[in-house]
Amino acid sequence: MVDRPSSEPVIEMGKHGGVTEVFAIPAREDFLHPLMEDLFRNHWDKIIFGPIIQGGAYEIRAEQEPHSLTLNDGYLTIHFGKSHFHLCIGDNWGSEARPTPAALRLERKTTRAEFFRGLDNAGCPCTWGLRLFNGADDQQMTVFFPNPFLGDDDSILTEPDWSRLALWEDLGRRYLGREPDGRDRTGAGFSHGG
């Protein structure tokens, strides 16, 4: 597990040839809780979130600010009114009558967390976000940040809107301790990763 955020990326090759730059962050409740609180309280209207797995991509947009964000027994619960989700970011001990077995506790909680930039075939950033993985290395969630190549309705923009990198750059400063490096503005358009 990572003890502190990394301001330097590691290159990750996807199963099908996609390349991603990964900035590791601590997968601890005391780090993830304020980060998730920040994202869902202050940026709920800008992000797209859900698990992205082979064969399924859940790209959800919140239609309103969350009614509540609670943390109980390792689970962060975010309520939007009629819908909500649970995300295990800490130790889930269970109850005295039904304690969570140690192996299951380790499997459930986030054990890997990272900011990322997906790269196009030329090695230029074309997607930006956050990914969380559990102890079985299953993806718990991806959060996509605003993309300069896509509009709010997911339409491809004719000209990049670089102001849409504001959230990525702000989170990089506050959570990674890194200033923008200029690479984010080198891409020519949106492309799907592998």
C-alpha atoms as a PDB file:
ATOM      1  CA  MET A   1       0.000   0.000   0.000  1.00  0.00           C
ATOM      2  CA  VAL A   2       1.178   3.527  -0.792  1.00  0.00           C
ATOM      3  CA  ASP A   3       1.964   5.686   2.264  1.00  0.00           C
ATOM      4  CA  ARG A   4       1.884   9.041   0.514  1.00  0.00           C
ATOM      5  CA  PRO A   5       0.724  10.425  -2.835  1.00  0.00           C
ATOM      6  CA  SER A   6       3.079  10.148  -5.781  1.00  0.00           C
ATOM      7  CA  SER A   7       3.572  13.266  -7.891  1.00  0.00           C
ATOM      8  CA  GLU A   8       5.424  11.200 -10.500  1.00  0.00           C
ATOM      9  CA  PRO A   9       3.404   8.845 -12.697  1.00  0.00           C
ATOM     10  CA  VAL A  10       4.038   5.188 -13.409  1.00  0.00           C
ATOM     11  CA  ILE A  11       3.197   3.912 -16.904  1.00  0.00           C
ATOM     12  CA  GLU A  12       0.660   1.077 -16.995  1.00  0.00           C
ATOM     13  CA  MET A  13      -0.069  -0.991 -20.092  1.00  0.00           C
ATOM     14  CA  GLY A  14      -3.668  -2.164 -20.462  1.00  0.00           C
ATOM     15  CA  LYS A  15      -4.576  -5.699 -21.534  1.00  0.00           C
ATOM     16  CA  HIS A  16      -5.509  -4.453 -24.993  1.00  0.00           C
ATOM     17  CA  GLY A  17      -2.715  -1.978 -25.624  1.00  0.00           C
ATOM     18  CA  GLY A  18      -4.020   1.168 -23.930  1.00  0.00           C
ATOM     19  CA  VAL A  19      -1.485   3.179 -21.952  1.00  0.00           C
ATOM     20  CA  THR A  20      -2.262   4.982 -18.697  1.00  0.00           C
ATOM     21  CA  GLU A  21      -0.180   7.200 -16.451  1.00  0.00           C
ATOM     22  CA  VAL A  22      -0.938   6.349 -12.834  1.00  0.00           C
ATOM     23  CA  PHE A  23      -0.336   8.617  -9.822  1.00  0.00           C
ATOM     24  CA  ALA A  24      -0.625   6.418  -6.712  1.00  0.00           C
ATOM     25  CA  ILE A  25      -2.399   7.795  -3.643  1.00  0.00           C
ATOM     26  CA  PRO A  26      -2.892   6.269  -0.189  1.00  0.00           C
ATOM     27  CA  ALA A  27      -5.728   3.724  -0.082  1.00  0.00           C
ATOM     28  CA  ARG A  28      -6.501   4.598   3.513  1.00  0.00           C
ATOM     29  CA  GLU A  29      -9.833   5.688   4.929  1.00  0.00           C
ATOM     30  CA  ASP A  30      -8.302   8.873   6.380  1.00  0.00           C
ATOM     31  CA  PHE A  31      -7.120   9.916   2.890  1.00  0.00           C
ATOM     32  CA  LEU A  32      -9.997   8.602   0.759  1.00  0.00           C
ATOM     33  CA  HIS A  33     -12.861   9.875   2.909  1.00  0.00           C
ATOM     34  CA  PRO A  34     -12.002  13.599   2.525  1.00  0.00           C
ATOM     35  CA  LEU A  35     -11.174  13.085  -1.169  1.00  0.00           C
ATOM     36  CA  MET A  36     -14.521  11.404  -1.886  1.00  0.00           C
ATOM     37  CA  GLU A  37     -16.322  13.978   0.264  1.00  0.00           C
ATOM     38  CA  ASP A  38     -14.656  16.728  -1.789  1.00  0.00           C
ATOM     39  CA  LEU A  39     -15.546  15.119  -5.120  1.00  0.00           C
ATOM     40  CA  PHE A  40     -19.168  14.324  -4.306  1.00  0.00           C
ATOM     41  CA  ARG A  41     -19.967  17.450  -2.255  1.00  0.00           C
ATOM     42  CA  ASN A  42     -18.184  20.046  -4.372  1.00  0.00           C
ATOM     43  CA  HIS A  43     -17.958  18.530  -7.859  1.00  0.00           C
ATOM     44  CA  TRP A  44     -20.938  16.146  -8.117  1.00  0.00           C
ATOM     45  CA  ASP A  45     -22.188  18.037 -11.176  1.00  0.00           C
ATOM     46  CA  LYS A  46     -18.876  17.722 -13.062  1.00  0.00           C
ATOM     47  CA  ILE A  47     -17.903  14.079 -12.579  1.00  0.00           C
ATOM     48  CA  ILE A  48     -18.945  10.785 -14.129  1.00  0.00           C
ATOM     49  CA  PHE A  49     -18.539   7.720 -11.924  1.00  0.00           C
ATOM     50  CA  GLY A  50     -19.073   3.976 -11.711  1.00  0.00           C
ATOM     51  CA  PRO A  51     -17.162   0.730 -12.161  1.00  0.00           C
ATOM     52  CA  ILE A  52     -15.400   0.227 -15.493  1.00  0.00           C
ATOM     53  CA  ILE A  53     -14.717  -3.473 -16.059  1.00  0.00           C
ATOM     54  CA  GLN A  54     -14.182  -5.627 -19.120  1.00  0.00           C
ATOM     55  CA  GLY A  55     -17.609  -5.973 -20.677  1.00  0.00           C
ATOM     56  CA  GLY A  56     -19.287  -3.223 -18.651  1.00  0.00           C
ATOM     57  CA  ALA A  57     -18.846   0.513 -18.209  1.00  0.00           C
ATOM     58  CA  TYR A  58     -21.173   2.287 -15.773  1.00  0.00           C
ATOM     59  CA  GLU A  59     -20.839   6.004 -16.466  1.00  0.00           C
ATOM     60  CA  ILE A  60     -23.223   7.657 -14.031  1.00  0.00           C
ATOM     61  CA  ARG A  61     -23.884  11.364 -13.585  1.00  0.00           C
ATOM     62  CA  ALA A  62     -25.527  12.560 -10.400  1.00  0.00           C
ATOM     63  CA  GLU A  63     -28.671  14.555 -11.086  1.00  0.00           C
ATOM     64  CA  GLN A  64     -28.425  16.416  -7.801  1.00  0.00           C
ATOM     65  CA  GLU A  65     -26.095  17.090  -4.914  1.00  0.00           C
ATOM     66  CA  PRO A  66     -25.966  14.187  -2.454  1.00  0.00           C
ATOM     67  CA  HIS A  67     -28.410  14.426   0.454  1.00  0.00           C
ATOM     68  CA  SER A  68     -25.837  12.797   2.691  1.00  0.00           C
ATOM     69  CA  LEU A  69     -22.407  11.228   2.805  1.00  0.00           C
ATOM     70  CA  THR A  70     -21.873   8.939   5.772  1.00  0.00           C
ATOM     71  CA  LEU A  71     -19.035   6.703   6.879  1.00  0.00           C
ATOM     72  CA  ASN A  72     -19.924   3.698   8.991  1.00  0.00           C
ATOM     73  CA  ASP A  73     -17.911   0.543   9.643  1.00  0.00           C
ATOM     74  CA  GLY A  74     -15.577   1.257   6.718  1.00  0.00           C
ATOM     75  CA  TYR A  75     -18.347   1.928   4.202  1.00  0.00           C
ATOM     76  CA  LEU A  76     -18.825   5.350   2.663  1.00  0.00           C
ATOM     77  CA  THR A  77     -22.481   5.707   1.678  1.00  0.00           C
ATOM     78  CA  ILE A  78     -23.503   8.469  -0.695  1.00  0.00           C
ATOM     79  CA  HIS A  79     -27.268   9.156  -0.913  1.00  0.00           C
ATOM     80  CA  PHE A  80     -28.703  11.106  -3.841  1.00  0.00           C
ATOM     81  CA  GLY A  81     -32.338  10.796  -2.811  1.00  0.00           C
ATOM     82  CA  LYS A  82     -33.828   7.837  -4.661  1.00  0.00           C
ATOM     83  CA  SER A  83     -30.450   6.230  -5.305  1.00  0.00           C
ATOM     84  CA  HIS A  84     -27.300   5.654  -3.311  1.00  0.00           C
ATOM     85  CA  PHE A  85     -24.150   3.569  -3.317  1.00  0.00           C
ATOM     86  CA  HIS A  86     -21.793   2.047  -0.756  1.00  0.00           C
ATOM     87  CA  LEU A  87     -18.023   1.982  -1.145  1.00  0.00           C
ATOM     88  CA  CYS A  88     -15.799   0.151   1.329  1.00  0.00           C
ATOM     89  CA  ILE A  89     -12.822   2.462   1.913  1.00  0.00           C
ATOM     90  CA  GLY A  90     -11.857   1.237   5.391  1.00  0.00           C
ATOM     91  CA  ASP A  91     -12.025  -1.764   7.684  1.00  0.00           C
ATOM     92  CA  ASN A  92     -15.455  -3.385   7.786  1.00  0.00           C
ATOM     93  CA  TRP A  93     -15.595  -5.093  11.183  1.00  0.00           C
ATOM     94  CA  GLY A  94     -19.254  -6.131  11.133  1.00  0.00           C
ATOM     95  CA  SER A  95     -21.227  -6.450  14.335  1.00  0.00           C
ATOM     96  CA  GLU A  96     -20.390  -8.258  17.551  1.00  0.00           C
ATOM     97  CA  ALA A  97     -22.921 -10.936  16.621  1.00  0.00           C
ATOM     98  CA  ARG A  98     -21.686 -11.166  13.005  1.00  0.00           C
ATOM     99  CA  PRO A  99     -18.069 -10.021  12.754  1.00  0.00           C
ATOM    100  CA  THR A 100     -16.599  -9.754   9.267  1.00  0.00           C
ATOM    101  CA  PRO A 101     -14.002 -12.508   8.701  1.00  0.00           C
ATOM    102  CA  ALA A 102     -10.469 -11.110   8.291  1.00  0.00           C
ATOM    103  CA  ALA A 103     -10.062 -12.354   4.693  1.00  0.00           C
ATOM    104  CA  LEU A 104     -13.363 -10.783   3.645  1.00  0.00           C
ATOM    105  CA  ARG A 105     -12.471  -7.534   5.422  1.00  0.00           C
ATOM    106  CA  LEU A 106      -9.257  -7.359   3.374  1.00  0.00           C
ATOM    107  CA  GLU A 107     -11.042  -8.215   0.133  1.00  0.00           C
ATOM    108  CA  ARG A 108     -13.785  -5.604   0.562  1.00  0.00           C
ATOM    109  CA  LYS A 109     -11.816  -2.469   1.327  1.00  0.00           C
ATOM    110  CA  THR A 110      -9.929  -0.245  -1.074  1.00  0.00           C
ATOM    111  CA  THR A 111      -6.312  -1.384  -1.231  1.00  0.00           C
ATOM    112  CA  ARG A 112      -5.188   0.547  -4.320  1.00  0.00           C
ATOM    113  CA  ALA A 113      -6.126   4.094  -5.270  1.00  0.00           C
ATOM    114  CA  GLU A 114      -4.792   6.262  -8.055  1.00  0.00           C
ATOM    115  CA  PHE A 115      -5.305   9.360 -10.109  1.00  0.00           C
ATOM    116  CA  PHE A 116      -4.761   8.618 -13.787  1.00  0.00           C
ATOM    117  CA  ARG A 117      -4.353  10.055 -17.260  1.00  0.00           C
ATOM    118  CA  GLY A 118      -5.304   7.821 -20.169  1.00  0.00           C
ATOM    119  CA  LEU A 119      -3.002   8.347 -23.145  1.00  0.00           C
ATOM    120  CA  ASP A 120      -3.789   8.290 -26.855  1.00  0.00           C
ATOM    121  CA  ASN A 121      -1.669   6.489 -29.473  1.00  0.00           C
ATOM    122  CA  ALA A 122       0.734   9.454 -29.597  1.00  0.00           C
ATOM    123  CA  GLY A 123       1.244   9.317 -25.809  1.00  0.00           C
ATOM    124  CA  CYS A 124      -0.821  12.451 -25.117  1.00  0.00           C
ATOM    125  CA  PRO A 125      -3.404  12.609 -22.296  1.00  0.00           C
ATOM    126  CA  CYS A 126      -7.005  12.170 -23.448  1.00  0.00           C
ATOM    127  CA  THR A 127      -8.834  11.095 -20.227  1.00  0.00           C
ATOM    128  CA  TRP A 128      -8.376  12.078 -16.572  1.00  0.00           C
ATOM    129  CA  GLY A 129      -9.736  10.540 -13.405  1.00  0.00           C
ATOM    130  CA  LEU A 130      -9.515   8.521 -10.207  1.00  0.00           C
ATOM    131  CA  ARG A 131      -9.680   4.727  -9.775  1.00  0.00           C
ATOM    132  CA  LEU A 132     -10.206   2.613  -6.663  1.00  0.00           C
ATOM    133  CA  PHE A 133      -9.566  -1.147  -6.390  1.00  0.00           C
ATOM    134  CA  ASN A 134     -10.437  -3.589  -3.594  1.00  0.00           C
ATOM    135  CA  GLY A 135      -8.243  -6.253  -1.981  1.00  0.00           C
ATOM    136  CA  ALA A 136      -9.058  -8.730  -4.766  1.00  0.00           C
ATOM    137  CA  ASP A 137      -7.847  -6.070  -7.274  1.00  0.00           C
ATOM    138  CA  ASP A 138     -11.401  -5.692  -8.590  1.00  0.00           C
ATOM    139  CA  GLN A 139     -12.272  -2.204  -9.634  1.00  0.00           C
ATOM    140  CA  GLN A 140     -14.604  -0.557  -7.144  1.00  0.00           C
ATOM    141  CA  MET A 141     -15.036   2.732  -8.970  1.00  0.00           C
ATOM    142  CA  THR A 142     -13.701   5.050 -11.624  1.00  0.00           C
ATOM    143  CA  VAL A 143     -14.400   8.761 -11.437  1.00  0.00           C
ATOM    144  CA  PHE A 144     -13.893  10.612 -14.722  1.00  0.00           C
ATOM    145  CA  PHE A 145     -13.096  14.315 -14.480  1.00  0.00           C
ATOM    146  CA  PRO A 146     -14.238  16.888 -17.044  1.00  0.00           C
ATOM    147  CA  ASN A 147     -12.553  16.297 -20.379  1.00  0.00           C
ATOM    148  CA  PRO A 148     -11.428  19.167 -22.648  1.00  0.00           C
ATOM    149  CA  PHE A 149     -12.388  17.131 -25.704  1.00  0.00           C
ATOM    150  CA  LEU A 150     -15.945  16.307 -24.554  1.00  0.00           C
ATOM    151  CA  GLY A 151     -18.923  18.494 -23.696  1.00  0.00           C
ATOM    152  CA  ASP A 152     -21.185  18.003 -20.689  1.00  0.00           C
ATOM    153  CA  ASP A 153     -23.456  15.897 -22.908  1.00  0.00           C
ATOM    154  CA  ASP A 154     -20.502  13.678 -23.964  1.00  0.00           C
ATOM    155  CA  SER A 155     -20.442  15.238 -27.434  1.00  0.00           C
ATOM    156  CA  ILE A 156     -17.023  15.545 -29.034  1.00  0.00           C
ATOM    157  CA  LEU A 157     -16.007  19.216 -29.095  1.00  0.00           C
ATOM    158  CA  THR A 158     -14.679  20.733 -32.324  1.00  0.00           C
ATOM    159  CA  GLU A 159     -12.052  22.673 -30.339  1.00  0.00           C
ATOM    160  CA  PRO A 160     -10.578  21.602 -26.978  1.00  0.00           C
ATOM    161  CA  ASP A 161     -11.878  23.516 -23.954  1.00  0.00           C
ATOM    162  CA  TRP A 162      -8.769  23.518 -21.763  1.00  0.00           C
ATOM    163  CA  SER A 163     -10.693  25.138 -18.894  1.00  0.00           C
ATOM    164  CA  ARG A 164     -12.265  21.702 -18.376  1.00  0.00           C
ATOM    165  CA  LEU A 165      -8.915  20.567 -16.888  1.00  0.00           C
ATOM    166  CA  ALA A 166      -9.474  22.820 -13.853  1.00  0.00           C
ATOM    167  CA  LEU A 167     -10.667  19.982 -11.575  1.00  0.00           C
ATOM    168  CA  TRP A 168      -7.784  17.674 -12.584  1.00  0.00           C
ATOM    169  CA  GLU A 169      -5.256  20.451 -11.999  1.00  0.00           C
ATOM    170  CA  ASP A 170      -6.809  21.486  -8.667  1.00  0.00           C
ATOM    171  CA  LEU A 171      -6.878  17.904  -7.347  1.00  0.00           C
ATOM    172  CA  GLY A 172      -3.299  17.374  -8.527  1.00  0.00           C
ATOM    173  CA  ARG A 173      -2.143  20.393  -6.550  1.00  0.00           C
ATOM    174  CA  ARG A 174      -4.087  19.544  -3.397  1.00  0.00           C
ATOM    175  CA  TYR A 175      -3.816  15.735  -3.262  1.00  0.00           C
ATOM    176  CA  LEU A 176      -0.602  14.984  -5.188  1.00  0.00           C
ATOM    177  CA  GLY A 177       1.369  18.144  -4.466  1.00  0.00           C
ATOM    178  CA  ARG A 178       2.113  18.628  -8.164  1.00  0.00           C
ATOM    179  CA  GLU A 179       1.717  21.574 -10.474  1.00  0.00           C
ATOM    180  CA  PRO A 180       0.340  21.088 -13.996  1.00  0.00           C
ATOM    181  CA  ASP A 181       3.105  19.868 -16.294  1.00  0.00           C
ATOM    182  CA  GLY A 182       1.783  21.123 -19.628  1.00  0.00           C
ATOM    183  CA  ARG A 183       1.360  17.598 -21.040  1.00  0.00           C
ATOM    184  CA  ASP A 184      -2.388  17.759 -20.465  1.00  0.00           C
ATOM    185  CA  ARG A 185      -2.704  20.292 -23.280  1.00  0.00           C
ATOM    186  CA  THR A 186      -0.759  18.282 -25.889  1.00  0.00           C
ATOM    187  CA  GLY A 187      -3.557  15.988 -27.063  1.00  0.00           C
ATOM    188  CA  ALA A 188      -5.509  16.420 -30.266  1.00  0.00           C
ATOM    189  CA  GLY A 189      -8.756  14.753 -29.245  1.00  0.00           C
ATOM    190  CA  PHE A 190     -10.615  12.098 -27.315  1.00  0.00           C
ATOM    191  CA  SER A 191      -9.858   8.396 -27.723  1.00  0.00           C
ATOM    192  CA  HIS A 192     -10.913   5.321 -25.738  1.00  0.00           C
ATOM    193  CA  GLY A 193      -8.238   3.486 -23.752  1.00  0.00           C
ATOM    194  CA  GLY A 194      -7.488  -0.236 -23.761  1.00  0.00           C
END
